[in-house]
Amino acid sequence: MEIKIAEKLVNDVAMTTVESPRLESIKPKANSERGSTMVEYALLVALMAIGSIGAIGSAREGARTTFIDIEDKLAQATFVPN
């Protein structure tokens, strides 16, 4: 009984490494460029996100400086009633 199980395992392993129907169905998908294209798009999106974060940080600092300048000018202004 144990010998038959071992023979079946050896045959199954040999079939999966040599000519498995499952392996044959995967080969065309492995050769397609769909997966690599998806990875390229993901990298592109990540790069754009990093660039956007940097641009927003820079714009935030510029806006902060502008509002501080406006606040200082308003604090120095004098109110003249009508």
C-alpha atoms as a PDB file:
ATOM      1  CA  MET A   1       0.000   0.000   0.000  1.00  0.00           C
ATOM      2  CA  GLU A   2       2.761   2.480   0.943  1.00  0.00           C
ATOM      3  CA  ILE A   3       4.667   1.629  -2.228  1.00  0.00           C
ATOM      4  CA  LYS A   4       1.631   2.461  -4.410  1.00  0.00           C
ATOM      5  CA  ILE A   5       1.215   5.797  -2.644  1.00  0.00           C
ATOM      6  CA  ALA A   6       4.905   6.574  -3.155  1.00  0.00           C
ATOM      7  CA  GLU A   7       4.694   5.589  -6.844  1.00  0.00           C
ATOM      8  CA  LYS A   8       1.622   7.807  -7.293  1.00  0.00           C
ATOM      9  CA  LEU A   9       3.443  10.736  -5.666  1.00  0.00           C
ATOM     10  CA  VAL A  10       6.478  10.210  -7.898  1.00  0.00           C
ATOM     11  CA  ASN A  11       4.257  10.060 -10.981  1.00  0.00           C
ATOM     12  CA  ASP A  12       2.357  13.195  -9.927  1.00  0.00           C
ATOM     13  CA  VAL A  13       5.585  15.112  -9.329  1.00  0.00           C
ATOM     14  CA  ALA A  14       7.014  13.941 -12.638  1.00  0.00           C
ATOM     15  CA  MET A  15       3.835  14.988 -14.427  1.00  0.00           C
ATOM     16  CA  THR A  16       3.816  18.460 -12.867  1.00  0.00           C
ATOM     17  CA  THR A  17       7.457  19.056 -13.729  1.00  0.00           C
ATOM     18  CA  VAL A  18       7.317  17.674 -17.262  1.00  0.00           C
ATOM     19  CA  GLU A  19       3.926  17.869 -18.964  1.00  0.00           C
ATOM     20  CA  SER A  20       1.132  18.961 -16.695  1.00  0.00           C
ATOM     21  CA  PRO A  21      -2.103  20.186 -18.248  1.00  0.00           C
ATOM     22  CA  ARG A  22      -2.250  22.825 -15.514  1.00  0.00           C
ATOM     23  CA  LEU A  23       1.263  23.997 -16.367  1.00  0.00           C
ATOM     24  CA  GLU A  24       0.385  24.187 -20.053  1.00  0.00           C
ATOM     25  CA  SER A  25      -2.627  26.389 -19.268  1.00  0.00           C
ATOM     26  CA  ILE A  26      -0.420  28.782 -17.277  1.00  0.00           C
ATOM     27  CA  LYS A  27       2.329  29.182 -19.896  1.00  0.00           C
ATOM     28  CA  PRO A  28       0.422  31.595 -22.185  1.00  0.00           C
ATOM     29  CA  LYS A  29      -0.450  33.784 -19.209  1.00  0.00           C
ATOM     30  CA  ALA A  30       3.156  33.835 -18.052  1.00  0.00           C
ATOM     31  CA  ASN A  31       4.277  34.978 -21.480  1.00  0.00           C
ATOM     32  CA  SER A  32       1.701  37.773 -21.691  1.00  0.00           C
ATOM     33  CA  GLU A  33       2.701  41.309 -20.838  1.00  0.00           C
ATOM     34  CA  ARG A  34      -0.487  42.072 -18.952  1.00  0.00           C
ATOM     35  CA  GLY A  35       1.055  41.483 -15.536  1.00  0.00           C
ATOM     36  CA  SER A  36       4.158  43.520 -16.276  1.00  0.00           C
ATOM     37  CA  THR A  37       2.036  46.353 -17.625  1.00  0.00           C
ATOM     38  CA  MET A  38       0.028  46.378 -14.411  1.00  0.00           C
ATOM     39  CA  VAL A  39       3.232  46.591 -12.386  1.00  0.00           C
ATOM     40  CA  GLU A  40       4.443  49.469 -14.538  1.00  0.00           C
ATOM     41  CA  TYR A  41       1.171  51.346 -13.995  1.00  0.00           C
ATOM     42  CA  ALA A  42       1.385  50.726 -10.240  1.00  0.00           C
ATOM     43  CA  LEU A  43       4.921  52.118 -10.161  1.00  0.00           C
ATOM     44  CA  LEU A  44       3.804  55.117 -12.196  1.00  0.00           C
ATOM     45  CA  VAL A  45       0.917  55.812  -9.797  1.00  0.00           C
ATOM     46  CA  ALA A  46       3.270  55.494  -6.809  1.00  0.00           C
ATOM     47  CA  LEU A  47       5.711  57.937  -8.406  1.00  0.00           C
ATOM     48  CA  MET A  48       2.926  60.426  -9.108  1.00  0.00           C
ATOM     49  CA  ALA A  49       1.697  60.105  -5.519  1.00  0.00           C
ATOM     50  CA  ILE A  50       5.170  60.824  -4.151  1.00  0.00           C
ATOM     51  CA  GLY A  51       5.508  63.829  -6.460  1.00  0.00           C
ATOM     52  CA  SER A  52       2.068  65.108  -5.455  1.00  0.00           C
ATOM     53  CA  ILE A  53       2.896  64.822  -1.772  1.00  0.00           C
ATOM     54  CA  GLY A  54       6.071  66.841  -2.331  1.00  0.00           C
ATOM     55  CA  ALA A  55       4.253  69.488  -4.370  1.00  0.00           C
ATOM     56  CA  ILE A  56       1.474  69.808  -1.797  1.00  0.00           C
ATOM     57  CA  GLY A  57       4.035  70.141   0.990  1.00  0.00           C
ATOM     58  CA  SER A  58       5.825  72.883  -0.905  1.00  0.00           C
ATOM     59  CA  ALA A  59       2.590  74.719  -1.713  1.00  0.00           C
ATOM     60  CA  ARG A  60       1.467  74.385   1.889  1.00  0.00           C
ATOM     61  CA  GLU A  61       4.614  76.113   3.125  1.00  0.00           C
ATOM     62  CA  GLY A  62       4.175  78.909   0.579  1.00  0.00           C
ATOM     63  CA  ALA A  63       0.529  79.415   1.546  1.00  0.00           C
ATOM     64  CA  ARG A  64       1.454  79.424   5.235  1.00  0.00           C
ATOM     65  CA  THR A  65       4.036  82.159   4.649  1.00  0.00           C
ATOM     66  CA  THR A  66       1.529  84.220   2.647  1.00  0.00           C
ATOM     67  CA  PHE A  67      -1.124  83.989   5.367  1.00  0.00           C
ATOM     68  CA  ILE A  68       1.381  84.923   8.054  1.00  0.00           C
ATOM     69  CA  ASP A  69       2.347  88.015   6.012  1.00  0.00           C
ATOM     70  CA  ILE A  70      -1.327  88.971   5.627  1.00  0.00           C
ATOM     71  CA  GLU A  71      -1.914  88.452   9.339  1.00  0.00           C
ATOM     72  CA  ASP A  72       1.031  90.720  10.209  1.00  0.00           C
ATOM     73  CA  LYS A  73      -0.178  93.460   7.846  1.00  0.00           C
ATOM     74  CA  LEU A  74      -3.697  93.277   9.264  1.00  0.00           C
ATOM     75  CA  ALA A  75      -2.312  93.498  12.801  1.00  0.00           C
ATOM     76  CA  GLN A  76      -0.361  96.637  11.873  1.00  0.00           C
ATOM     77  CA  ALA A  77      -3.276  98.271  10.103  1.00  0.00           C
ATOM     78  CA  THR A  78      -5.238 100.948  11.891  1.00  0.00           C
ATOM     79  CA  PHE A  79      -8.979 101.093  11.915  1.00  0.00           C
ATOM     80  CA  VAL A  80     -10.463 104.353  10.700  1.00  0.00           C
ATOM     81  CA  PRO A  81     -14.167 104.727  11.501  1.00  0.00           C
ATOM     82  CA  ASN A  82     -16.462 106.568   9.024  1.00  0.00           C
END
